[in-house]
Amino acid sequence: MEDEAEEVQRVLDAIDAIAAGQPPAVRARRLTEMLNSVQERVRRERQQAVREMHDGGMTYRQIAKELDISFGRVRQILAEDTDPPASE
């Protein structure tokens, strides 16, 4: 648990460093970029973990119970497209 707390603190420190001393527009832009990157990475990692659970033999309902989410949310996670949209 201590390692997890340290990891969280490093992320919070990185956020503080991005925001430090920057004009509001620059801060907002940089923080938005960071947020988008983090959200995408977390989504992919979560999907991979759920896929591993399913590939390992767990049913959608078992996964839902284990993660304390709905059966429908498990389906959504596994159905998400992992490839970024193609640019035109």
PDB file of N, CA and C in Angstrom:
ATOM      1  N   MET A   1       0.815  -1.197   0.000  1.00  0.00           N
ATOM      2  CA  MET A   1       0.000   0.000   0.000  1.00  0.00           C
ATOM      3  C   MET A   1       0.858   1.261   0.000  1.00  0.00           C
ATOM      4  N   GLU A   2       1.984   1.187   0.673  1.00  0.00           N
ATOM      5  CA  GLU A   2       2.867   2.342   0.746  1.00  0.00           C
ATOM      6  C   GLU A   2       3.406   2.705  -0.633  1.00  0.00           C
ATOM      7  N   ASP A   3       3.751   1.689  -1.431  1.00  0.00           N
ATOM      8  CA  ASP A   3       4.232   1.942  -2.788  1.00  0.00           C
ATOM      9  C   ASP A   3       3.169   2.637  -3.626  1.00  0.00           C
ATOM     10  N   GLU A   4       1.903   2.219  -3.459  1.00  0.00           N
ATOM     11  CA  GLU A   4       0.811   2.849  -4.207  1.00  0.00           C
ATOM     12  C   GLU A   4       0.657   4.306  -3.806  1.00  0.00           C
ATOM     13  N   ALA A   5       0.765   4.590  -2.524  1.00  0.00           N
ATOM     14  CA  ALA A   5       0.659   5.973  -2.045  1.00  0.00           C
ATOM     15  C   ALA A   5       1.790   6.821  -2.627  1.00  0.00           C
ATOM     16  N   GLU A   6       2.982   6.247  -2.709  1.00  0.00           N
ATOM     17  CA  GLU A   6       4.115   6.968  -3.286  1.00  0.00           C
ATOM     18  C   GLU A   6       3.893   7.224  -4.774  1.00  0.00           C
ATOM     19  N   GLU A   7       3.328   6.246  -5.483  1.00  0.00           N
ATOM     20  CA  GLU A   7       3.037   6.425  -6.905  1.00  0.00           C
ATOM     21  C   GLU A   7       2.025   7.543  -7.111  1.00  0.00           C
ATOM     22  N   VAL A   8       0.986   7.548  -6.307  1.00  0.00           N
ATOM     23  CA  VAL A   8      -0.031   8.593  -6.406  1.00  0.00           C
ATOM     24  C   VAL A   8       0.601   9.950  -6.130  1.00  0.00           C
ATOM     25  N   GLN A   9       1.460  10.015  -5.133  1.00  0.00           N
ATOM     26  CA  GLN A   9       2.111  11.288  -4.799  1.00  0.00           C
ATOM     27  C   GLN A   9       2.984  11.777  -5.944  1.00  0.00           C
ATOM     28  N   ARG A  10       3.680  10.864  -6.633  1.00  0.00           N
ATOM     29  CA  ARG A  10       4.506  11.260  -7.784  1.00  0.00           C
ATOM     30  C   ARG A  10       3.639  11.849  -8.890  1.00  0.00           C
ATOM     31  N   VAL A  11       2.482  11.264  -9.112  1.00  0.00           N
ATOM     32  CA  VAL A  11       1.568  11.800 -10.131  1.00  0.00           C
ATOM     33  C   VAL A  11       1.101  13.192  -9.721  1.00  0.00           C
ATOM     34  N   LEU A  12       0.719  13.347  -8.461  1.00  0.00           N
ATOM     35  CA  LEU A  12       0.269  14.659  -7.988  1.00  0.00           C
ATOM     36  C   LEU A  12       1.385  15.692  -8.070  1.00  0.00           C
ATOM     37  N   ASP A  13       2.606  15.276  -7.774  1.00  0.00           N
ATOM     38  CA  ASP A  13       3.752  16.187  -7.895  1.00  0.00           C
ATOM     39  C   ASP A  13       3.969  16.604  -9.348  1.00  0.00           C
ATOM     40  N   ALA A  14       3.777  15.666 -10.282  1.00  0.00           N
ATOM     41  CA  ALA A  14       3.918  15.983 -11.714  1.00  0.00           C
ATOM     42  C   ALA A  14       2.859  16.995 -12.143  1.00  0.00           C
ATOM     43  N   ILE A  15       1.657  16.840 -11.626  1.00  0.00           N
ATOM     44  CA  ILE A  15       0.586  17.792 -11.947  1.00  0.00           C
ATOM     45  C   ILE A  15       0.965  19.174 -11.412  1.00  0.00           C
ATOM     46  N   ASP A  16       1.447  19.222 -10.187  1.00  0.00           N
ATOM     47  CA  ASP A  16       1.869  20.503  -9.608  1.00  0.00           C
ATOM     48  C   ASP A  16       2.980  21.145 -10.436  1.00  0.00           C
ATOM     49  N   ALA A  17       3.925  20.335 -10.890  1.00  0.00           N
ATOM     50  CA  ALA A  17       5.050  20.862 -11.676  1.00  0.00           C
ATOM     51  C   ALA A  17       4.576  21.435 -13.001  1.00  0.00           C
ATOM     52  N   ILE A  18       3.600  20.801 -13.624  1.00  0.00           N
ATOM     53  CA  ILE A  18       3.071  21.297 -14.897  1.00  0.00           C
ATOM     54  C   ILE A  18       2.396  22.653 -14.696  1.00  0.00           C
ATOM     55  N   ALA A  19       1.712  22.796 -13.585  1.00  0.00           N
ATOM     56  CA  ALA A  19       0.933  24.008 -13.351  1.00  0.00           C
ATOM     57  C   ALA A  19       1.754  25.154 -12.773  1.00  0.00           C
ATOM     58  N   ALA A  20       2.891  24.864 -12.201  1.00  0.00           N
ATOM     59  CA  ALA A  20       3.652  25.874 -11.472  1.00  0.00           C
ATOM     60  C   ALA A  20       4.131  27.013 -12.378  1.00  0.00           C
ATOM     61  N   GLY A  21       3.760  28.216 -11.994  1.00  0.00           N
ATOM     62  CA  GLY A  21       4.286  29.411 -12.631  1.00  0.00           C
ATOM     63  C   GLY A  21       3.843  29.667 -14.056  1.00  0.00           C
ATOM     64  N   GLN A  22       2.891  28.961 -14.540  1.00  0.00           N
ATOM     65  CA  GLN A  22       2.433  29.139 -15.920  1.00  0.00           C
ATOM     66  C   GLN A  22       1.205  30.050 -15.957  1.00  0.00           C
ATOM     67  N   PRO A  23       1.049  30.814 -17.024  1.00  0.00           N
ATOM     68  CA  PRO A  23      -0.176  31.590 -17.187  1.00  0.00           C
ATOM     69  C   PRO A  23      -1.374  30.631 -17.280  1.00  0.00           C
ATOM     70  N   PRO A  24      -2.554  31.090 -16.904  1.00  0.00           N
ATOM     71  CA  PRO A  24      -3.717  30.215 -16.871  1.00  0.00           C
ATOM     72  C   PRO A  24      -3.989  29.462 -18.186  1.00  0.00           C
ATOM     73  N   ALA A  25      -3.852  30.117 -19.324  1.00  0.00           N
ATOM     74  CA  ALA A  25      -4.139  29.455 -20.598  1.00  0.00           C
ATOM     75  C   ALA A  25      -3.150  28.323 -20.868  1.00  0.00           C
ATOM     76  N   VAL A  26      -1.890  28.554 -20.545  1.00  0.00           N
ATOM     77  CA  VAL A  26      -0.863  27.524 -20.743  1.00  0.00           C
ATOM     78  C   VAL A  26      -1.117  26.364 -19.787  1.00  0.00           C
ATOM     79  N   ARG A  27      -1.411  26.682 -18.524  1.00  0.00           N
ATOM     80  CA  ARG A  27      -1.723  25.649 -17.527  1.00  0.00           C
ATOM     81  C   ARG A  27      -2.894  24.806 -17.975  1.00  0.00           C
ATOM     82  N   ALA A  28      -3.952  25.467 -18.396  1.00  0.00           N
ATOM     83  CA  ALA A  28      -5.159  24.748 -18.814  1.00  0.00           C
ATOM     84  C   ALA A  28      -4.864  23.822 -19.987  1.00  0.00           C
ATOM     85  N   ARG A  29      -4.122  24.327 -20.962  1.00  0.00           N
ATOM     86  CA  ARG A  29      -3.796  23.528 -22.148  1.00  0.00           C
ATOM     87  C   ARG A  29      -2.944  22.312 -21.764  1.00  0.00           C
ATOM     88  N   ARG A  30      -1.905  22.534 -20.973  1.00  0.00           N
ATOM     89  CA  ARG A  30      -1.015  21.442 -20.580  1.00  0.00           C
ATOM     90  C   ARG A  30      -1.731  20.414 -19.712  1.00  0.00           C
ATOM     91  N   LEU A  31      -2.579  20.892 -18.800  1.00  0.00           N
ATOM     92  CA  LEU A  31      -3.322  19.967 -17.946  1.00  0.00           C
ATOM     93  C   LEU A  31      -4.352  19.174 -18.738  1.00  0.00           C
ATOM     94  N   THR A  32      -4.960  19.804 -19.745  1.00  0.00           N
ATOM     95  CA  THR A  32      -5.907  19.090 -20.607  1.00  0.00           C
ATOM     96  C   THR A  32      -5.190  17.983 -21.374  1.00  0.00           C
ATOM     97  N   GLU A  33      -4.014  18.290 -21.897  1.00  0.00           N
ATOM     98  CA  GLU A  33      -3.235  17.276 -22.614  1.00  0.00           C
ATOM     99  C   GLU A  33      -2.886  16.112 -21.691  1.00  0.00           C
ATOM    100  N   MET A  34      -2.477  16.444 -20.473  1.00  0.00           N
ATOM    101  CA  MET A  34      -2.132  15.404 -19.513  1.00  0.00           C
ATOM    102  C   MET A  34      -3.351  14.559 -19.174  1.00  0.00           C
ATOM    103  N   LEU A  35      -4.479  15.201 -18.938  1.00  0.00           N
ATOM    104  CA  LEU A  35      -5.708  14.489 -18.598  1.00  0.00           C
ATOM    105  C   LEU A  35      -6.118  13.533 -19.712  1.00  0.00           C
ATOM    106  N   ASN A  36      -6.058  14.006 -20.941  1.00  0.00           N
ATOM    107  CA  ASN A  36      -6.423  13.151 -22.071  1.00  0.00           C
ATOM    108  C   ASN A  36      -5.505  11.938 -22.176  1.00  0.00           C
ATOM    109  N   SER A  37      -4.222  12.146 -21.992  1.00  0.00           N
ATOM    110  CA  SER A  37      -3.259  11.047 -22.060  1.00  0.00           C
ATOM    111  C   SER A  37      -3.496  10.029 -20.951  1.00  0.00           C
ATOM    112  N   VAL A  38      -3.702  10.533 -19.753  1.00  0.00           N
ATOM    113  CA  VAL A  38      -3.906   9.646 -18.609  1.00  0.00           C
ATOM    114  C   VAL A  38      -5.206   8.862 -18.770  1.00  0.00           C
ATOM    115  N   GLN A  39      -6.273   9.523 -19.176  1.00  0.00           N
ATOM    116  CA  GLN A  39      -7.549   8.826 -19.347  1.00  0.00           C
ATOM    117  C   GLN A  39      -7.428   7.700 -20.359  1.00  0.00           C
ATOM    118  N   GLU A  40      -6.785   7.955 -21.475  1.00  0.00           N
ATOM    119  CA  GLU A  40      -6.638   6.946 -22.515  1.00  0.00           C
ATOM    120  C   GLU A  40      -5.809   5.770 -22.008  1.00  0.00           C
ATOM    121  N   ARG A  41      -4.720   6.067 -21.332  1.00  0.00           N
ATOM    122  CA  ARG A  41      -3.849   5.005 -20.826  1.00  0.00           C
ATOM    123  C   ARG A  41      -4.569   4.149 -19.794  1.00  0.00           C
ATOM    124  N   VAL A  42      -5.272   4.792 -18.877  1.00  0.00           N
ATOM    125  CA  VAL A  42      -5.999   4.055 -17.838  1.00  0.00           C
ATOM    126  C   VAL A  42      -7.089   3.193 -18.482  1.00  0.00           C
ATOM    127  N   ARG A  43      -7.786   3.732 -19.468  1.00  0.00           N
ATOM    128  CA  ARG A  43      -8.842   2.985 -20.144  1.00  0.00           C
ATOM    129  C   ARG A  43      -8.273   1.724 -20.792  1.00  0.00           C
ATOM    130  N   ARG A  44      -7.147   1.874 -21.501  1.00  0.00           N
ATOM    131  CA  ARG A  44      -6.526   0.709 -22.165  1.00  0.00           C
ATOM    132  C   ARG A  44      -6.057  -0.326 -21.159  1.00  0.00           C
ATOM    133  N   GLU A  45      -5.428   0.132 -20.084  1.00  0.00           N
ATOM    134  CA  GLU A  45      -4.924  -0.797 -19.069  1.00  0.00           C
ATOM    135  C   GLU A  45      -6.074  -1.535 -18.385  1.00  0.00           C
ATOM    136  N   ARG A  46      -7.152  -0.814 -18.081  1.00  0.00           N
ATOM    137  CA  ARG A  46      -8.315  -1.453 -17.464  1.00  0.00           C
ATOM    138  C   ARG A  46      -8.911  -2.485 -18.404  1.00  0.00           C
ATOM    139  N   GLN A  47      -9.048  -2.119 -19.677  1.00  0.00           N
ATOM    140  CA  GLN A  47      -9.624  -3.048 -20.632  1.00  0.00           C
ATOM    141  C   GLN A  47      -8.769  -4.311 -20.736  1.00  0.00           C
ATOM    142  N   GLN A  48      -7.462  -4.149 -20.762  1.00  0.00           N
ATOM    143  CA  GLN A  48      -6.581  -5.311 -20.848  1.00  0.00           C
ATOM    144  C   GLN A  48      -6.745  -6.204 -19.622  1.00  0.00           C
ATOM    145  N   ALA A  49      -6.825  -5.610 -18.440  1.00  0.00           N
ATOM    146  CA  ALA A  49      -6.983  -6.391 -17.220  1.00  0.00           C
ATOM    147  C   ALA A  49      -8.306  -7.151 -17.231  1.00  0.00           C
ATOM    148  N   VAL A  50      -9.382  -6.484 -17.652  1.00  0.00           N
ATOM    149  CA  VAL A  50     -10.688  -7.145 -17.711  1.00  0.00           C
ATOM    150  C   VAL A  50     -10.667  -8.243 -18.761  1.00  0.00           C
ATOM    151  N   ARG A  51     -10.030  -7.990 -19.890  1.00  0.00           N
ATOM    152  CA  ARG A  51      -9.922  -9.011 -20.932  1.00  0.00           C
ATOM    153  C   ARG A  51      -9.159 -10.239 -20.412  1.00  0.00           C
ATOM    154  N   GLU A  52      -8.089 -10.002 -19.646  1.00  0.00           N
ATOM    155  CA  GLU A  52      -7.330 -11.113 -19.071  1.00  0.00           C
ATOM    156  C   GLU A  52      -8.199 -11.930 -18.112  1.00  0.00           C
ATOM    157  N   MET A  53      -9.025 -11.245 -17.337  1.00  0.00           N
ATOM    158  CA  MET A  53      -9.932 -11.952 -16.437  1.00  0.00           C
ATOM    159  C   MET A  53     -10.889 -12.832 -17.241  1.00  0.00           C
ATOM    160  N   HIS A  54     -11.431 -12.282 -18.310  1.00  0.00           N
ATOM    161  CA  HIS A  54     -12.379 -13.026 -19.136  1.00  0.00           C
ATOM    162  C   HIS A  54     -11.681 -14.173 -19.856  1.00  0.00           C
ATOM    163  N   ASP A  55     -10.517 -13.896 -20.427  1.00  0.00           N
ATOM    164  CA  ASP A  55      -9.746 -14.941 -21.110  1.00  0.00           C
ATOM    165  C   ASP A  55      -9.325 -16.044 -20.142  1.00  0.00           C
ATOM    166  N   GLY A  56      -9.192 -15.691 -18.883  1.00  0.00           N
ATOM    167  CA  GLY A  56      -8.820 -16.657 -17.857  1.00  0.00           C
ATOM    168  C   GLY A  56      -9.981 -17.517 -17.388  1.00  0.00           C
ATOM    169  N   GLY A  57     -11.162 -17.279 -17.955  1.00  0.00           N
ATOM    170  CA  GLY A  57     -12.298 -18.140 -17.649  1.00  0.00           C
ATOM    171  C   GLY A  57     -13.416 -17.506 -16.844  1.00  0.00           C
ATOM    172  N   MET A  58     -13.240 -16.262 -16.430  1.00  0.00           N
ATOM    173  CA  MET A  58     -14.308 -15.624 -15.651  1.00  0.00           C
ATOM    174  C   MET A  58     -15.429 -15.178 -16.579  1.00  0.00           C
ATOM    175  N   THR A  59     -16.651 -15.311 -16.103  1.00  0.00           N
ATOM    176  CA  THR A  59     -17.800 -14.813 -16.855  1.00  0.00           C
ATOM    177  C   THR A  59     -17.936 -13.314 -16.638  1.00  0.00           C
ATOM    178  N   TYR A  60     -18.736 -12.672 -17.485  1.00  0.00           N
ATOM    179  CA  TYR A  60     -18.994 -11.240 -17.316  1.00  0.00           C
ATOM    180  C   TYR A  60     -19.557 -10.974 -15.926  1.00  0.00           C
ATOM    181  N   ARG A  61     -20.459 -11.819 -15.470  1.00  0.00           N
ATOM    182  CA  ARG A  61     -21.074 -11.618 -14.150  1.00  0.00           C
ATOM    183  C   ARG A  61     -20.044 -11.779 -13.027  1.00  0.00           C
ATOM    184  N   GLN A  62     -19.146 -12.734 -13.147  1.00  0.00           N
ATOM    185  CA  GLN A  62     -18.098 -12.904 -12.139  1.00  0.00           C
ATOM    186  C   GLN A  62     -17.172 -11.692 -12.111  1.00  0.00           C
ATOM    187  N   ILE A  63     -16.827 -11.199 -13.282  1.00  0.00           N
ATOM    188  CA  ILE A  63     -15.966 -10.008 -13.366  1.00  0.00           C
ATOM    189  C   ILE A  63     -16.682  -8.814 -12.730  1.00  0.00           C
ATOM    190  N   ALA A  64     -17.948  -8.651 -13.059  1.00  0.00           N
ATOM    191  CA  ALA A  64     -18.723  -7.539 -12.506  1.00  0.00           C
ATOM    192  C   ALA A  64     -18.732  -7.590 -10.983  1.00  0.00           C
ATOM    193  N   LYS A  65     -18.956  -8.774 -10.443  1.00  0.00           N
ATOM    194  CA  LYS A  65     -18.981  -8.916  -8.985  1.00  0.00           C
ATOM    195  C   LYS A  65     -17.603  -8.616  -8.392  1.00  0.00           C
ATOM    196  N   GLU A  66     -16.558  -9.147  -9.002  1.00  0.00           N
ATOM    197  CA  GLU A  66     -15.191  -8.939  -8.509  1.00  0.00           C
ATOM    198  C   GLU A  66     -14.810  -7.457  -8.504  1.00  0.00           C
ATOM    199  N   LEU A  67     -15.220  -6.738  -9.545  1.00  0.00           N
ATOM    200  CA  LEU A  67     -14.841  -5.328  -9.680  1.00  0.00           C
ATOM    201  C   LEU A  67     -15.883  -4.363  -9.119  1.00  0.00           C
ATOM    202  N   ASP A  68     -16.998  -4.916  -8.648  1.00  0.00           N
ATOM    203  CA  ASP A  68     -18.098  -4.105  -8.107  1.00  0.00           C
ATOM    204  C   ASP A  68     -18.610  -3.104  -9.143  1.00  0.00           C
ATOM    205  N   ILE A  69     -18.810  -3.622 -10.357  1.00  0.00           N
ATOM    206  CA  ILE A  69     -19.411  -2.838 -11.439  1.00  0.00           C
ATOM    207  C   ILE A  69     -20.539  -3.667 -12.034  1.00  0.00           C
ATOM    208  N   SER A  70     -21.321  -3.081 -12.906  1.00  0.00           N
ATOM    209  CA  SER A  70     -22.449  -3.808 -13.482  1.00  0.00           C
ATOM    210  C   SER A  70     -22.003  -4.742 -14.604  1.00  0.00           C
ATOM    211  N   PHE A  71     -22.829  -5.738 -14.848  1.00  0.00           N
ATOM    212  CA  PHE A  71     -22.619  -6.653 -15.966  1.00  0.00           C
ATOM    213  C   PHE A  71     -22.510  -5.856 -17.262  1.00  0.00           C
ATOM    214  N   GLY A  72     -23.390  -4.874 -17.447  1.00  0.00           N
ATOM    215  CA  GLY A  72     -23.387  -4.046 -18.650  1.00  0.00           C
ATOM    216  C   GLY A  72     -22.091  -3.264 -18.804  1.00  0.00           C
ATOM    217  N   ARG A  73     -21.532  -2.801 -17.689  1.00  0.00           N
ATOM    218  CA  ARG A  73     -20.270  -2.050 -17.759  1.00  0.00           C
ATOM    219  C   ARG A  73     -19.138  -2.976 -18.192  1.00  0.00           C
ATOM    220  N   VAL A  74     -19.133  -4.211 -17.721  1.00  0.00           N
ATOM    221  CA  VAL A  74     -18.121  -5.178 -18.166  1.00  0.00           C
ATOM    222  C   VAL A  74     -18.213  -5.343 -19.680  1.00  0.00           C
ATOM    223  N   ARG A  75     -19.440  -5.494 -20.178  1.00  0.00           N
ATOM    224  CA  ARG A  75     -19.636  -5.632 -21.632  1.00  0.00           C
ATOM    225  C   ARG A  75     -19.101  -4.412 -22.364  1.00  0.00           C
ATOM    226  N   GLN A  76     -19.385  -3.217 -21.842  1.00  0.00           N
ATOM    227  CA  GLN A  76     -18.902  -1.986 -22.475  1.00  0.00           C
ATOM    228  C   GLN A  76     -17.379  -1.935 -22.502  1.00  0.00           C
ATOM    229  N   ILE A  77     -16.763  -2.278 -21.395  1.00  0.00           N
ATOM    230  CA  ILE A  77     -15.300  -2.239 -21.315  1.00  0.00           C
ATOM    231  C   ILE A  77     -14.695  -3.177 -22.346  1.00  0.00           C
ATOM    232  N   LEU A  78     -15.224  -4.385 -22.441  1.00  0.00           N
ATOM    233  CA  LEU A  78     -14.667  -5.356 -23.378  1.00  0.00           C
ATOM    234  C   LEU A  78     -14.990  -5.009 -24.826  1.00  0.00           C
ATOM    235  N   ALA A  79     -16.031  -4.236 -25.055  1.00  0.00           N
ATOM    236  CA  ALA A  79     -16.411  -3.866 -26.419  1.00  0.00           C
ATOM    237  C   ALA A  79     -15.705  -2.609 -26.910  1.00  0.00           C
ATOM    238  N   GLU A  80     -15.061  -1.856 -25.999  1.00  0.00           N
ATOM    239  CA  GLU A  80     -14.403  -0.613 -26.397  1.00  0.00           C
ATOM    240  C   GLU A  80     -13.345  -0.882 -27.448  1.00  0.00           C
ATOM    241  N   ASP A  81     -13.253   0.024 -28.377  1.00  0.00           N
ATOM    242  CA  ASP A  81     -12.231  -0.057 -29.424  1.00  0.00           C
ATOM    243  C   ASP A  81     -10.907   0.376 -28.840  1.00  0.00           C
ATOM    244  N   THR A  82      -9.915  -0.496 -28.912  1.00  0.00           N
ATOM    245  CA  THR A  82      -8.604  -0.167 -28.341  1.00  0.00           C
ATOM    246  C   THR A  82      -7.731   0.608 -29.300  1.00  0.00           C
ATOM    247  N   ASP A  83      -8.094   0.648 -30.589  1.00  0.00           N
ATOM    248  CA  ASP A  83      -7.305   1.375 -31.559  1.00  0.00           C
ATOM    249  C   ASP A  83      -7.745   2.819 -31.609  1.00  0.00           C
ATOM    250  N   PRO A  84      -6.806   3.765 -31.660  1.00  0.00           N
ATOM    251  CA  PRO A  84      -7.197   5.168 -31.763  1.00  0.00           C
ATOM    252  C   PRO A  84      -7.860   5.422 -33.119  1.00  0.00           C
ATOM    253  N   PRO A  85      -8.757   6.404 -33.190  1.00  0.00           N
ATOM    254  CA  PRO A  85      -9.421   6.690 -34.455  1.00  0.00           C
ATOM    255  C   PRO A  85      -8.406   7.115 -35.517  1.00  0.00           C
ATOM    256  N   ALA A  86      -8.654   6.668 -36.739  1.00  0.00           N
ATOM    257  CA  ALA A  86      -7.769   7.050 -37.853  1.00  0.00           C
ATOM    258  C   ALA A  86      -8.007   8.503 -38.207  1.00  0.00           C
ATOM    259  N   SER A  87      -6.921   9.222 -38.485  1.00  0.00           N
ATOM    260  CA  SER A  87      -7.087  10.615 -38.886  1.00  0.00           C
ATOM    261  C   SER A  87      -7.364  10.680 -40.376  1.00  0.00           C
ATOM    262  N   GLU A  88      -8.159  11.662 -40.707  1.00  0.00           N
ATOM    263  CA  GLU A  88      -8.562  11.805 -42.120  1.00  0.00           C
ATOM    264  C   GLU A  88      -7.633  12.703 -42.864  1.00  0.00           C
TER     265      GLU A  88
END
